[in-house]
Amino acid sequence: MELSIAQPDDWHLHLRDGELLEAVVSHSVKQFGRAIIMPNLRPPVTTTAAAVAYRDSILKALPGNTDFTPLMTLYLTDKTSPHEIKLARESGVVYGVKLYPAGATTNSQDGVTDLFGKCLPVLEEMANQDMPLLVHGEVTDPEIDIFDREKVFIDRILKPLIQKLPKLKVVMEHVTTMDAVKFVESCEEGCVAATVTPQHLLLNRNSLFQGGLQPQNQEGNSHYVFSVF
């Protein structure tokens, strides 16, 4: 069977801002028609107003005669309000809310410290507004082996979350383990999806250490969805 895609979409794209945005955006535009834009700038994109402003900056940085649509996201924090989710939905330009566990990855210092204790009203409003939660899925407990952090996140966070809010749409981003794939496949259709970084299909953990530490082999920018809502 052959599947032809005239122009793909990128479901997890880091464009950053300023000079870096201007330097990299043209490379994505050459390949993709739309992209989900990650919000982990400094400062992060935590409000709808900031998302709209960031979108304007991206559109201004596009090369001429370009048909590219940035799909914006909000950066979830302990202080995000349900009202902000309503504003995001009403804006027509925000398509998801990104969960970064605090300290998990680049520019995640403002991320969530207690998802169930501080963000439950927001998650409930997201379910009501049909707003997907985009998940960087790993725990930050230093006692957990780095290669087990996705599995532990699923057990500690995602499974209880889906049980508590079965109507909440969740996307596990750049999954790296068979545990994550099996979890997505085990969920009711229309509830949980995932993206896969292409090089994760080619590289294994040895690729991180061969010839010295190779962090670029851990995560990339272009992601494809393997289960859709």
N, C-alpha and C. Protein backbone atom coordinates (compact mmCIF):
# COMPACT_ATOMS: atom_id res chain seq x y z
N MET A 1 0.85 -1.19 0.00
CA MET A 1 0.00 0.00 0.00
C MET A 1 0.88 1.24 0.00
N GLU A 2 0.52 2.23 -0.78
CA GLU A 2 1.29 3.47 -0.88
C GLU A 2 0.43 4.65 -0.49
N LEU A 3 0.98 5.50 0.35
CA LEU A 3 0.27 6.70 0.81
C LEU A 3 1.04 7.92 0.32
N SER A 4 0.39 8.75 -0.45
CA SER A 4 1.02 9.97 -0.97
C SER A 4 0.46 11.18 -0.23
N ILE A 5 1.35 12.02 0.28
CA ILE A 5 0.96 13.23 0.98
C ILE A 5 1.48 14.42 0.16
N ALA A 6 0.56 15.22 -0.34
CA ALA A 6 0.97 16.35 -1.18
C ALA A 6 1.83 17.34 -0.40
N GLN A 7 1.38 17.66 0.79
CA GLN A 7 2.16 18.54 1.66
C GLN A 7 1.85 18.19 3.10
N PRO A 8 2.82 17.72 3.86
CA PRO A 8 2.55 17.27 5.24
C PRO A 8 2.43 18.44 6.21
N ASP A 9 1.93 18.13 7.40
CA ASP A 9 1.91 19.06 8.52
C ASP A 9 2.92 18.59 9.57
N ASP A 10 3.48 19.53 10.30
CA ASP A 10 4.41 19.22 11.38
C ASP A 10 3.67 19.44 12.70
N TRP A 11 3.50 18.38 13.48
CA TRP A 11 2.68 18.47 14.70
C TRP A 11 3.49 18.77 15.95
N HIS A 12 4.74 19.23 15.78
CA HIS A 12 5.54 19.62 16.95
C HIS A 12 6.74 20.40 16.43
N LEU A 13 6.63 21.71 16.40
CA LEU A 13 7.67 22.53 15.79
C LEU A 13 8.16 23.62 16.74
N HIS A 14 9.47 23.70 16.90
CA HIS A 14 10.12 24.77 17.67
C HIS A 14 10.66 25.81 16.70
N LEU A 15 10.09 27.00 16.73
CA LEU A 15 10.57 28.09 15.89
C LEU A 15 11.34 29.14 16.69
N ARG A 16 11.23 29.06 18.04
CA ARG A 16 11.87 30.07 18.91
C ARG A 16 11.38 31.46 18.50
N ASP A 17 12.22 32.48 18.73
CA ASP A 17 11.80 33.84 18.37
C ASP A 17 13.02 34.67 18.02
N GLY A 18 12.78 35.93 17.67
CA GLY A 18 13.88 36.84 17.33
C GLY A 18 14.65 36.39 16.09
N GLU A 19 15.97 36.54 16.14
CA GLU A 19 16.81 36.20 15.00
C GLU A 19 16.76 34.72 14.67
N LEU A 20 16.60 33.88 15.69
CA LEU A 20 16.54 32.44 15.45
C LEU A 20 15.28 32.08 14.67
N LEU A 21 14.16 32.69 15.02
CA LEU A 21 12.92 32.48 14.27
C LEU A 21 13.11 32.82 12.81
N GLU A 22 13.68 33.97 12.54
CA GLU A 22 13.88 34.41 11.16
C GLU A 22 14.81 33.48 10.40
N ALA A 23 15.74 32.85 11.13
CA ALA A 23 16.73 31.98 10.48
C ALA A 23 16.17 30.61 10.14
N VAL A 24 15.21 30.10 10.93
CA VAL A 24 14.78 28.71 10.75
C VAL A 24 13.42 28.54 10.11
N VAL A 25 12.57 29.56 10.17
CA VAL A 25 11.18 29.36 9.73
C VAL A 25 11.09 28.99 8.25
N SER A 26 11.98 29.50 7.42
CA SER A 26 11.90 29.21 5.99
C SER A 26 12.12 27.74 5.69
N HIS A 27 12.88 27.05 6.53
CA HIS A 27 13.14 25.63 6.31
C HIS A 27 11.87 24.81 6.52
N SER A 28 11.07 25.19 7.51
CA SER A 28 9.80 24.49 7.74
C SER A 28 8.79 24.81 6.64
N VAL A 29 8.78 26.07 6.23
CA VAL A 29 7.82 26.51 5.22
C VAL A 29 8.00 25.76 3.90
N LYS A 30 9.24 25.39 3.59
CA LYS A 30 9.51 24.68 2.34
C LYS A 30 8.85 23.31 2.31
N GLN A 31 8.62 22.72 3.50
CA GLN A 31 8.13 21.35 3.57
C GLN A 31 6.68 21.23 4.03
N PHE A 32 6.26 22.12 4.94
CA PHE A 32 5.00 21.91 5.63
C PHE A 32 3.97 23.00 5.33
N GLY A 33 2.70 22.59 5.35
CA GLY A 33 1.62 23.54 5.15
C GLY A 33 1.14 24.16 6.45
N ARG A 34 1.16 23.36 7.53
CA ARG A 34 0.77 23.84 8.86
C ARG A 34 1.72 23.25 9.88
N ALA A 35 1.73 23.85 11.06
CA ALA A 35 2.57 23.30 12.13
C ALA A 35 2.01 23.72 13.49
N ILE A 36 2.07 22.79 14.43
CA ILE A 36 1.78 23.10 15.82
C ILE A 36 3.03 23.74 16.42
N ILE A 37 2.91 24.96 16.89
CA ILE A 37 4.06 25.74 17.35
C ILE A 37 4.22 25.59 18.86
N MET A 38 5.39 25.15 19.28
CA MET A 38 5.67 24.97 20.71
C MET A 38 5.81 26.32 21.42
N PRO A 39 5.33 26.40 22.68
CA PRO A 39 5.25 27.69 23.36
C PRO A 39 6.38 27.96 24.36
N ASN A 40 7.42 27.12 24.38
CA ASN A 40 8.43 27.25 25.44
C ASN A 40 9.51 28.27 25.07
N LEU A 41 9.06 29.50 24.86
CA LEU A 41 9.97 30.62 24.68
C LEU A 41 10.43 31.12 26.04
N ARG A 42 11.24 32.17 26.03
CA ARG A 42 11.62 32.83 27.28
C ARG A 42 11.27 34.31 27.15
N PRO A 43 10.21 34.80 27.80
CA PRO A 43 9.28 34.06 28.66
C PRO A 43 8.34 33.19 27.84
N PRO A 44 7.73 32.19 28.47
CA PRO A 44 6.87 31.27 27.75
C PRO A 44 5.56 31.92 27.32
N VAL A 45 4.91 31.29 26.34
CA VAL A 45 3.63 31.79 25.81
C VAL A 45 2.52 31.23 26.69
N THR A 46 2.16 31.96 27.72
CA THR A 46 1.20 31.47 28.72
C THR A 46 -0.20 32.02 28.56
N THR A 47 -0.39 33.03 27.69
CA THR A 47 -1.70 33.64 27.52
C THR A 47 -2.09 33.67 26.05
N THR A 48 -3.36 33.81 25.81
CA THR A 48 -3.86 33.89 24.45
C THR A 48 -3.31 35.13 23.75
N ALA A 49 -3.23 36.23 24.47
CA ALA A 49 -2.69 37.46 23.88
C ALA A 49 -1.24 37.24 23.43
N ALA A 50 -0.47 36.54 24.24
CA ALA A 50 0.92 36.26 23.87
C ALA A 50 0.99 35.33 22.67
N ALA A 51 0.07 34.37 22.59
CA ALA A 51 0.04 33.44 21.46
C ALA A 51 -0.29 34.18 20.16
N VAL A 52 -1.23 35.11 20.24
CA VAL A 52 -1.59 35.89 19.06
C VAL A 52 -0.41 36.75 18.62
N ALA A 53 0.29 37.36 19.57
CA ALA A 53 1.45 38.18 19.24
C ALA A 53 2.57 37.35 18.63
N TYR A 54 2.78 36.15 19.17
CA TYR A 54 3.80 35.26 18.63
C TYR A 54 3.44 34.83 17.22
N ARG A 55 2.17 34.54 16.99
CA ARG A 55 1.73 34.18 15.65
C ARG A 55 1.99 35.32 14.66
N ASP A 56 1.73 36.54 15.08
CA ASP A 56 2.00 37.69 14.22
C ASP A 56 3.49 37.76 13.87
N SER A 57 4.35 37.49 14.85
CA SER A 57 5.79 37.52 14.60
C SER A 57 6.21 36.45 13.60
N ILE A 58 5.59 35.27 13.71
CA ILE A 58 5.90 34.19 12.77
C ILE A 58 5.47 34.57 11.36
N LEU A 59 4.26 35.11 11.24
CA LEU A 59 3.75 35.48 9.92
C LEU A 59 4.61 36.56 9.27
N LYS A 60 5.12 37.49 10.08
CA LYS A 60 5.97 38.55 9.54
C LYS A 60 7.32 38.01 9.08
N ALA A 61 7.76 36.90 9.69
CA ALA A 61 9.06 36.32 9.36
C ALA A 61 9.01 35.38 8.16
N LEU A 62 7.80 35.08 7.67
CA LEU A 62 7.68 34.15 6.55
C LEU A 62 8.21 34.77 5.26
N PRO A 63 8.85 33.94 4.43
CA PRO A 63 9.25 34.44 3.12
C PRO A 63 8.03 34.77 2.27
N GLY A 64 8.23 35.58 1.23
CA GLY A 64 7.12 35.99 0.40
C GLY A 64 6.46 34.85 -0.34
N ASN A 65 5.20 35.05 -0.71
CA ASN A 65 4.42 34.05 -1.46
C ASN A 65 4.39 32.70 -0.75
N THR A 66 4.15 32.76 0.56
CA THR A 66 4.14 31.56 1.37
C THR A 66 2.74 31.27 1.88
N ASP A 67 2.34 30.02 1.79
CA ASP A 67 1.06 29.59 2.32
C ASP A 67 1.35 28.63 3.48
N PHE A 68 1.56 29.19 4.65
CA PHE A 68 1.93 28.42 5.84
C PHE A 68 1.08 28.91 7.00
N THR A 69 0.50 27.97 7.75
CA THR A 69 -0.38 28.34 8.86
C THR A 69 0.20 27.86 10.18
N PRO A 70 0.62 28.78 11.06
CA PRO A 70 1.08 28.38 12.39
C PRO A 70 -0.12 28.15 13.32
N LEU A 71 -0.17 26.99 13.92
CA LEU A 71 -1.24 26.63 14.86
C LEU A 71 -0.67 26.79 16.26
N MET A 72 -1.18 27.73 17.03
CA MET A 72 -0.54 28.14 18.26
C MET A 72 -0.96 27.28 19.45
N THR A 73 -0.12 27.31 20.48
CA THR A 73 -0.38 26.59 21.72
C THR A 73 -0.07 27.48 22.92
N LEU A 74 -0.66 27.16 24.05
CA LEU A 74 -0.34 27.82 25.31
C LEU A 74 0.54 26.92 26.16
N TYR A 75 1.34 27.53 26.99
CA TYR A 75 2.23 26.86 27.93
C TYR A 75 1.51 26.76 29.27
N LEU A 76 1.22 25.54 29.68
CA LEU A 76 0.48 25.33 30.92
C LEU A 76 1.37 25.59 32.14
N THR A 77 0.85 26.34 33.10
CA THR A 77 1.56 26.59 34.35
C THR A 77 0.63 26.28 35.52
N ASP A 78 1.18 26.34 36.72
CA ASP A 78 0.37 26.14 37.92
C ASP A 78 -0.69 27.23 38.07
N LYS A 79 -0.50 28.37 37.38
CA LYS A 79 -1.39 29.51 37.54
C LYS A 79 -2.34 29.72 36.36
N THR A 80 -2.29 28.87 35.36
CA THR A 80 -3.21 29.01 34.23
C THR A 80 -4.65 28.90 34.72
N SER A 81 -5.52 29.74 34.19
CA SER A 81 -6.91 29.76 34.66
C SER A 81 -7.84 29.13 33.63
N PRO A 82 -8.97 28.61 34.07
CA PRO A 82 -9.99 28.12 33.13
C PRO A 82 -10.46 29.21 32.16
N HIS A 83 -10.51 30.45 32.64
CA HIS A 83 -10.91 31.56 31.76
C HIS A 83 -9.95 31.70 30.59
N GLU A 84 -8.67 31.47 30.82
CA GLU A 84 -7.69 31.57 29.74
C GLU A 84 -7.95 30.52 28.67
N ILE A 85 -8.42 29.37 29.07
CA ILE A 85 -8.75 28.32 28.11
C ILE A 85 -9.93 28.75 27.24
N LYS A 86 -10.90 29.41 27.84
CA LYS A 86 -12.04 29.92 27.07
C LYS A 86 -11.57 30.97 26.06
N LEU A 87 -10.68 31.86 26.49
CA LEU A 87 -10.14 32.86 25.59
C LEU A 87 -9.38 32.20 24.45
N ALA A 88 -8.63 31.16 24.76
CA ALA A 88 -7.85 30.46 23.74
C ALA A 88 -8.77 29.85 22.69
N ARG A 89 -9.83 29.22 23.13
CA ARG A 89 -10.77 28.62 22.18
C ARG A 89 -11.45 29.69 21.33
N GLU A 90 -11.82 30.80 21.95
CA GLU A 90 -12.50 31.87 21.23
C GLU A 90 -11.58 32.57 20.23
N SER A 91 -10.27 32.49 20.45
CA SER A 91 -9.32 33.21 19.60
C SER A 91 -9.30 32.66 18.17
N GLY A 92 -9.55 31.38 18.02
CA GLY A 92 -9.49 30.76 16.70
C GLY A 92 -8.09 30.48 16.20
N VAL A 93 -7.07 30.79 17.00
CA VAL A 93 -5.68 30.55 16.57
C VAL A 93 -4.93 29.62 17.52
N VAL A 94 -5.48 29.35 18.70
CA VAL A 94 -4.83 28.45 19.66
C VAL A 94 -5.49 27.08 19.57
N TYR A 95 -4.67 26.06 19.36
CA TYR A 95 -5.19 24.72 19.08
C TYR A 95 -4.83 23.69 20.13
N GLY A 96 -4.08 24.07 21.16
CA GLY A 96 -3.71 23.11 22.19
C GLY A 96 -3.01 23.80 23.34
N VAL A 97 -2.84 23.05 24.41
CA VAL A 97 -2.15 23.54 25.60
C VAL A 97 -1.04 22.54 25.93
N LYS A 98 0.18 23.04 26.11
CA LYS A 98 1.34 22.17 26.28
C LYS A 98 1.68 21.98 27.76
N LEU A 99 1.79 20.73 28.15
CA LEU A 99 2.21 20.38 29.50
C LEU A 99 3.70 20.05 29.52
N TYR A 100 4.46 20.88 30.19
CA TYR A 100 5.86 20.59 30.50
C TYR A 100 5.97 20.36 32.00
N PRO A 101 6.32 19.17 32.46
CA PRO A 101 6.65 19.03 33.88
C PRO A 101 7.83 19.95 34.20
N ALA A 102 7.75 20.68 35.29
CA ALA A 102 8.79 21.65 35.62
C ALA A 102 10.15 20.99 35.68
N GLY A 103 11.10 21.53 34.90
CA GLY A 103 12.47 21.02 34.92
C GLY A 103 12.74 19.85 34.01
N ALA A 104 11.76 19.48 33.15
CA ALA A 104 11.92 18.28 32.33
C ALA A 104 12.77 18.50 31.08
N THR A 105 12.71 19.72 30.51
CA THR A 105 13.36 19.93 29.22
C THR A 105 13.67 21.41 29.05
N THR A 106 14.02 21.81 27.83
CA THR A 106 14.40 23.19 27.54
C THR A 106 13.29 24.17 27.91
N ASN A 107 13.65 25.21 28.67
CA ASN A 107 12.72 26.27 29.06
C ASN A 107 11.46 25.73 29.74
N SER A 108 11.64 24.71 30.58
CA SER A 108 10.49 24.15 31.30
C SER A 108 10.46 24.57 32.76
N GLN A 109 11.27 25.54 33.13
CA GLN A 109 11.34 25.95 34.53
C GLN A 109 10.02 26.54 35.03
N ASP A 110 9.19 27.02 34.11
CA ASP A 110 7.89 27.57 34.48
C ASP A 110 6.77 26.56 34.34
N GLY A 111 7.13 25.29 34.11
CA GLY A 111 6.14 24.26 33.88
C GLY A 111 5.40 23.84 35.14
N VAL A 112 4.59 22.80 35.00
CA VAL A 112 3.69 22.37 36.05
C VAL A 112 4.43 21.60 37.13
N THR A 113 4.12 21.91 38.38
CA THR A 113 4.72 21.21 39.52
C THR A 113 3.77 20.20 40.15
N ASP A 114 2.46 20.42 39.98
CA ASP A 114 1.47 19.54 40.60
C ASP A 114 0.22 19.54 39.71
N LEU A 115 0.17 18.62 38.76
CA LEU A 115 -0.89 18.64 37.75
C LEU A 115 -2.27 18.49 38.37
N PHE A 116 -2.45 17.51 39.25
CA PHE A 116 -3.76 17.26 39.82
C PHE A 116 -4.12 18.26 40.92
N GLY A 117 -3.11 18.72 41.64
CA GLY A 117 -3.38 19.64 42.74
C GLY A 117 -3.64 21.07 42.30
N LYS A 118 -3.01 21.51 41.18
CA LYS A 118 -3.09 22.91 40.79
C LYS A 118 -3.74 23.15 39.43
N CYS A 119 -3.87 22.12 38.61
CA CYS A 119 -4.33 22.34 37.24
C CYS A 119 -5.64 21.63 36.89
N LEU A 120 -6.25 20.95 37.84
CA LEU A 120 -7.44 20.16 37.53
C LEU A 120 -8.58 21.02 36.97
N PRO A 121 -8.89 22.20 37.55
CA PRO A 121 -9.96 23.02 36.96
C PRO A 121 -9.68 23.41 35.51
N VAL A 122 -8.40 23.66 35.20
CA VAL A 122 -8.02 24.00 33.83
C VAL A 122 -8.22 22.81 32.91
N LEU A 123 -7.82 21.63 33.36
CA LEU A 123 -7.97 20.42 32.56
C LEU A 123 -9.45 20.11 32.31
N GLU A 124 -10.28 20.35 33.32
CA GLU A 124 -11.72 20.15 33.16
C GLU A 124 -12.28 21.11 32.11
N GLU A 125 -11.83 22.36 32.13
CA GLU A 125 -12.29 23.32 31.13
C GLU A 125 -11.79 22.96 29.74
N MET A 126 -10.58 22.42 29.66
CA MET A 126 -10.06 21.97 28.37
C MET A 126 -10.92 20.86 27.80
N ALA A 127 -11.34 19.93 28.65
CA ALA A 127 -12.23 18.86 28.19
C ALA A 127 -13.56 19.45 27.70
N ASN A 128 -14.08 20.44 28.40
CA ASN A 128 -15.33 21.09 28.01
C ASN A 128 -15.19 21.83 26.68
N GLN A 129 -14.02 22.42 26.47
CA GLN A 129 -13.78 23.22 25.26
C GLN A 129 -13.20 22.39 24.11
N ASP A 130 -13.00 21.09 24.34
CA ASP A 130 -12.42 20.21 23.32
C ASP A 130 -11.04 20.69 22.91
N MET A 131 -10.26 21.13 23.90
CA MET A 131 -8.92 21.65 23.67
C MET A 131 -7.90 20.58 24.06
N PRO A 132 -7.09 20.09 23.12
CA PRO A 132 -6.15 19.00 23.43
C PRO A 132 -5.04 19.43 24.39
N LEU A 133 -4.61 18.48 25.20
CA LEU A 133 -3.45 18.63 26.07
C LEU A 133 -2.28 17.95 25.39
N LEU A 134 -1.24 18.71 25.08
CA LEU A 134 -0.04 18.19 24.43
C LEU A 134 1.00 17.93 25.51
N VAL A 135 1.46 16.69 25.61
CA VAL A 135 2.20 16.26 26.80
C VAL A 135 3.66 15.97 26.49
N HIS A 136 4.55 16.63 27.22
CA HIS A 136 5.94 16.19 27.30
C HIS A 136 5.98 15.14 28.41
N GLY A 137 6.02 13.89 28.03
CA GLY A 137 5.74 12.83 28.99
C GLY A 137 6.94 12.22 29.66
N GLU A 138 7.40 12.84 30.71
CA GLU A 138 8.45 12.23 31.53
C GLU A 138 8.40 12.82 32.93
N VAL A 139 8.69 11.98 33.91
CA VAL A 139 8.82 12.47 35.27
C VAL A 139 10.20 13.08 35.44
N THR A 140 10.36 13.89 36.47
CA THR A 140 11.64 14.57 36.70
C THR A 140 12.34 14.07 37.96
N ASP A 141 11.80 13.04 38.57
CA ASP A 141 12.40 12.47 39.78
C ASP A 141 13.81 11.98 39.46
N PRO A 142 14.84 12.54 40.09
CA PRO A 142 16.22 12.14 39.77
C PRO A 142 16.53 10.68 40.11
N GLU A 143 15.70 10.07 40.92
CA GLU A 143 15.92 8.68 41.27
C GLU A 143 15.44 7.71 40.19
N ILE A 144 14.67 8.23 39.23
CA ILE A 144 14.16 7.40 38.15
C ILE A 144 15.14 7.42 36.98
N ASP A 145 15.53 6.24 36.51
CA ASP A 145 16.43 6.14 35.37
C ASP A 145 15.85 6.91 34.19
N ILE A 146 16.69 7.63 33.46
CA ILE A 146 16.22 8.50 32.38
C ILE A 146 15.45 7.73 31.32
N PHE A 147 15.81 6.45 31.11
CA PHE A 147 15.14 5.65 30.09
C PHE A 147 13.82 5.07 30.58
N ASP A 148 13.51 5.25 31.85
CA ASP A 148 12.25 4.76 32.41
C ASP A 148 11.26 5.89 32.68
N ARG A 149 11.65 7.12 32.42
CA ARG A 149 10.85 8.25 32.85
C ARG A 149 9.55 8.40 32.07
N GLU A 150 9.53 7.97 30.83
CA GLU A 150 8.28 8.01 30.08
C GLU A 150 7.28 7.00 30.63
N LYS A 151 7.74 5.78 30.87
CA LYS A 151 6.86 4.73 31.41
C LYS A 151 6.31 5.13 32.77
N VAL A 152 7.15 5.67 33.63
CA VAL A 152 6.71 6.07 34.96
C VAL A 152 5.71 7.22 34.86
N PHE A 153 5.92 8.13 33.92
CA PHE A 153 4.97 9.23 33.72
C PHE A 153 3.61 8.69 33.32
N ILE A 154 3.59 7.70 32.45
CA ILE A 154 2.32 7.09 32.04
C ILE A 154 1.61 6.50 33.25
N ASP A 155 2.35 5.76 34.06
CA ASP A 155 1.74 5.08 35.21
C ASP A 155 1.27 6.07 36.27
N ARG A 156 2.08 7.09 36.54
CA ARG A 156 1.78 8.01 37.64
C ARG A 156 0.81 9.12 37.24
N ILE A 157 0.90 9.58 35.99
CA ILE A 157 0.16 10.78 35.58
C ILE A 157 -0.91 10.48 34.54
N LEU A 158 -0.53 9.89 33.42
CA LEU A 158 -1.46 9.79 32.30
C LEU A 158 -2.62 8.83 32.57
N LYS A 159 -2.33 7.66 33.09
CA LYS A 159 -3.41 6.72 33.35
C LYS A 159 -4.43 7.30 34.33
N PRO A 160 -4.01 7.86 35.47
CA PRO A 160 -4.99 8.49 36.38
C PRO A 160 -5.72 9.67 35.73
N LEU A 161 -5.01 10.43 34.88
CA LEU A 161 -5.63 11.58 34.23
C LEU A 161 -6.75 11.14 33.29
N ILE A 162 -6.50 10.12 32.49
CA ILE A 162 -7.51 9.64 31.56
C ILE A 162 -8.69 9.04 32.30
N GLN A 163 -8.43 8.38 33.41
CA GLN A 163 -9.52 7.83 34.21
C GLN A 163 -10.38 8.94 34.82
N LYS A 164 -9.73 10.02 35.23
CA LYS A 164 -10.45 11.13 35.87
C LYS A 164 -11.19 11.98 34.85
N LEU A 165 -10.57 12.18 33.69
CA LEU A 165 -11.16 13.03 32.65
C LEU A 165 -11.16 12.28 31.32
N PRO A 166 -12.06 11.34 31.15
CA PRO A 166 -12.04 10.50 29.94
C PRO A 166 -12.33 11.26 28.65
N LYS A 167 -12.92 12.46 28.74
CA LYS A 167 -13.24 13.22 27.54
C LYS A 167 -12.11 14.17 27.14
N LEU A 168 -11.07 14.27 27.97
CA LEU A 168 -9.94 15.14 27.65
C LEU A 168 -9.10 14.51 26.55
N LYS A 169 -8.87 15.26 25.49
CA LYS A 169 -8.00 14.78 24.42
C LYS A 169 -6.54 15.01 24.83
N VAL A 170 -5.73 13.97 24.65
CA VAL A 170 -4.33 14.01 25.05
C VAL A 170 -3.45 13.56 23.90
N VAL A 171 -2.38 14.30 23.63
CA VAL A 171 -1.38 13.90 22.66
C VAL A 171 -0.06 13.71 23.38
N MET A 172 0.45 12.49 23.39
CA MET A 172 1.79 12.23 23.91
C MET A 172 2.78 12.59 22.81
N GLU A 173 3.62 13.57 23.07
CA GLU A 173 4.52 14.05 22.03
C GLU A 173 5.86 13.33 22.06
N HIS A 174 6.40 13.12 20.85
CA HIS A 174 7.69 12.46 20.62
C HIS A 174 7.90 11.24 21.54
N VAL A 175 6.97 10.28 21.45
CA VAL A 175 7.10 9.08 22.28
C VAL A 175 8.37 8.32 21.90
N THR A 176 8.96 7.66 22.90
CA THR A 176 10.24 7.00 22.68
C THR A 176 10.25 5.54 23.12
N THR A 177 9.16 5.03 23.67
CA THR A 177 9.17 3.68 24.21
C THR A 177 7.99 2.87 23.69
N MET A 178 8.16 1.55 23.71
CA MET A 178 7.06 0.66 23.38
C MET A 178 5.93 0.80 24.40
N ASP A 179 6.29 1.13 25.64
CA ASP A 179 5.27 1.33 26.67
C ASP A 179 4.29 2.42 26.25
N ALA A 180 4.81 3.51 25.68
CA ALA A 180 3.95 4.61 25.26
C ALA A 180 3.06 4.20 24.09
N VAL A 181 3.63 3.48 23.14
CA VAL A 181 2.84 3.03 21.99
C VAL A 181 1.70 2.12 22.45
N LYS A 182 2.01 1.18 23.33
CA LYS A 182 0.98 0.27 23.82
C LYS A 182 -0.09 1.02 24.61
N PHE A 183 0.32 2.03 25.36
CA PHE A 183 -0.65 2.82 26.12
C PHE A 183 -1.62 3.53 25.19
N VAL A 184 -1.09 4.15 24.13
CA VAL A 184 -1.96 4.85 23.19
C VAL A 184 -2.92 3.86 22.53
N GLU A 185 -2.40 2.73 22.14
CA GLU A 185 -3.24 1.73 21.47
C GLU A 185 -4.31 1.16 22.41
N SER A 186 -4.02 1.19 23.71
CA SER A 186 -4.97 0.62 24.67
C SER A 186 -6.11 1.57 25.02
N CYS A 187 -5.95 2.86 24.68
CA CYS A 187 -6.96 3.85 25.03
C CYS A 187 -8.11 3.85 24.04
N GLU A 188 -9.24 4.31 24.50
CA GLU A 188 -10.40 4.39 23.65
C GLU A 188 -10.13 5.33 22.48
N GLU A 189 -10.54 4.93 21.29
CA GLU A 189 -10.29 5.74 20.10
C GLU A 189 -10.90 7.13 20.27
N GLY A 190 -10.14 8.14 19.89
CA GLY A 190 -10.60 9.51 20.01
C GLY A 190 -10.17 10.19 21.28
N CYS A 191 -9.45 9.49 22.15
CA CYS A 191 -9.05 10.04 23.44
C CYS A 191 -7.57 10.40 23.47
N VAL A 192 -6.71 9.48 23.09
CA VAL A 192 -5.26 9.66 23.23
C VAL A 192 -4.59 9.41 21.89
N ALA A 193 -3.69 10.30 21.53
CA ALA A 193 -2.89 10.15 20.31
C ALA A 193 -1.43 10.36 20.68
N ALA A 194 -0.55 10.23 19.69
CA ALA A 194 0.87 10.44 19.95
C ALA A 194 1.56 10.89 18.68
N THR A 195 2.68 11.57 18.84
CA THR A 195 3.56 11.89 17.72
C THR A 195 4.85 11.11 17.87
N VAL A 196 5.49 10.86 16.73
CA VAL A 196 6.75 10.13 16.71
C VAL A 196 7.78 10.97 15.95
N THR A 197 8.93 11.18 16.54
CA THR A 197 10.03 11.85 15.85
C THR A 197 10.65 10.85 14.86
N PRO A 198 10.82 11.22 13.59
CA PRO A 198 11.30 10.25 12.60
C PRO A 198 12.57 9.51 13.01
N GLN A 199 13.56 10.23 13.56
CA GLN A 199 14.80 9.55 13.89
C GLN A 199 14.66 8.57 15.05
N HIS A 200 13.57 8.69 15.82
CA HIS A 200 13.35 7.71 16.87
C HIS A 200 13.06 6.33 16.29
N LEU A 201 12.67 6.30 15.03
CA LEU A 201 12.44 5.02 14.37
C LEU A 201 13.75 4.39 13.92
N LEU A 202 14.81 5.17 13.88
CA LEU A 202 16.10 4.71 13.37
C LEU A 202 17.17 4.58 14.44
N LEU A 203 17.05 5.35 15.52
CA LEU A 203 18.09 5.42 16.52
C LEU A 203 17.64 4.76 17.82
N ASN A 204 18.59 4.20 18.57
CA ASN A 204 18.29 3.66 19.88
C ASN A 204 19.15 4.36 20.92
N ARG A 205 19.10 3.90 22.16
CA ARG A 205 19.81 4.60 23.23
C ARG A 205 21.32 4.60 23.01
N ASN A 206 21.84 3.60 22.31
CA ASN A 206 23.28 3.59 22.03
C ASN A 206 23.70 4.81 21.21
N SER A 207 22.76 5.31 20.39
CA SER A 207 23.07 6.46 19.54
C SER A 207 23.36 7.71 20.35
N LEU A 208 22.92 7.74 21.61
CA LEU A 208 23.19 8.90 22.46
C LEU A 208 24.64 8.95 22.93
N PHE A 209 25.31 7.80 22.92
CA PHE A 209 26.62 7.73 23.57
C PHE A 209 27.76 7.32 22.64
N GLN A 210 27.45 6.85 21.45
CA GLN A 210 28.51 6.43 20.54
C GLN A 210 29.31 7.63 20.07
N GLY A 211 30.62 7.58 20.27
CA GLY A 211 31.49 8.69 19.89
C GLY A 211 31.37 9.88 20.80
N GLY A 212 30.98 9.66 22.05
CA GLY A 212 30.74 10.75 22.99
C GLY A 212 29.25 11.06 23.07
N LEU A 213 28.87 11.94 23.97
CA LEU A 213 27.46 12.27 24.16
C LEU A 213 26.90 12.95 22.92
N GLN A 214 25.79 12.44 22.39
CA GLN A 214 25.16 12.96 21.17
C GLN A 214 23.72 13.36 21.48
N PRO A 215 23.50 14.49 22.19
CA PRO A 215 22.15 14.87 22.61
C PRO A 215 21.21 15.15 21.44
N GLN A 216 21.75 15.50 20.28
CA GLN A 216 20.89 15.78 19.13
C GLN A 216 20.16 14.54 18.66
N ASN A 217 20.58 13.36 19.11
CA ASN A 217 19.92 12.12 18.72
C ASN A 217 18.75 11.78 19.64
N GLN A 218 18.46 12.64 20.60
CA GLN A 218 17.39 12.37 21.55
C GLN A 218 16.04 12.85 21.03
N GLU A 219 15.99 14.07 20.51
CA GLU A 219 14.70 14.64 20.10
C GLU A 219 14.90 15.56 18.93
N GLY A 220 13.96 15.51 17.98
CA GLY A 220 14.03 16.39 16.82
C GLY A 220 12.82 17.28 16.72
N ASN A 221 12.76 18.04 15.64
CA ASN A 221 11.70 19.02 15.50
C ASN A 221 10.48 18.51 14.74
N SER A 222 10.67 17.66 13.75
CA SER A 222 9.55 17.25 12.91
C SER A 222 8.91 15.99 13.45
N HIS A 223 7.60 16.02 13.65
CA HIS A 223 6.88 14.92 14.26
C HIS A 223 5.66 14.55 13.42
N TYR A 224 5.37 13.26 13.41
CA TYR A 224 4.21 12.77 12.68
C TYR A 224 3.27 12.08 13.64
N VAL A 225 2.00 12.26 13.46
CA VAL A 225 1.01 11.68 14.35
C VAL A 225 0.71 10.24 13.91
N PHE A 226 0.63 9.31 14.87
CA PHE A 226 0.33 7.93 14.48
C PHE A 226 -1.03 7.47 14.98
N SER A 227 -1.73 8.26 15.74
CA SER A 227 -3.10 7.94 16.11
C SER A 227 -3.85 9.26 16.20
N VAL A 228 -4.94 9.38 15.47
CA VAL A 228 -5.60 10.67 15.38
C VAL A 228 -6.97 10.62 16.05
N PHE A 229 -7.48 11.81 16.39
CA PHE A 229 -8.76 11.92 17.05
C PHE A 229 -9.90 11.74 16.04
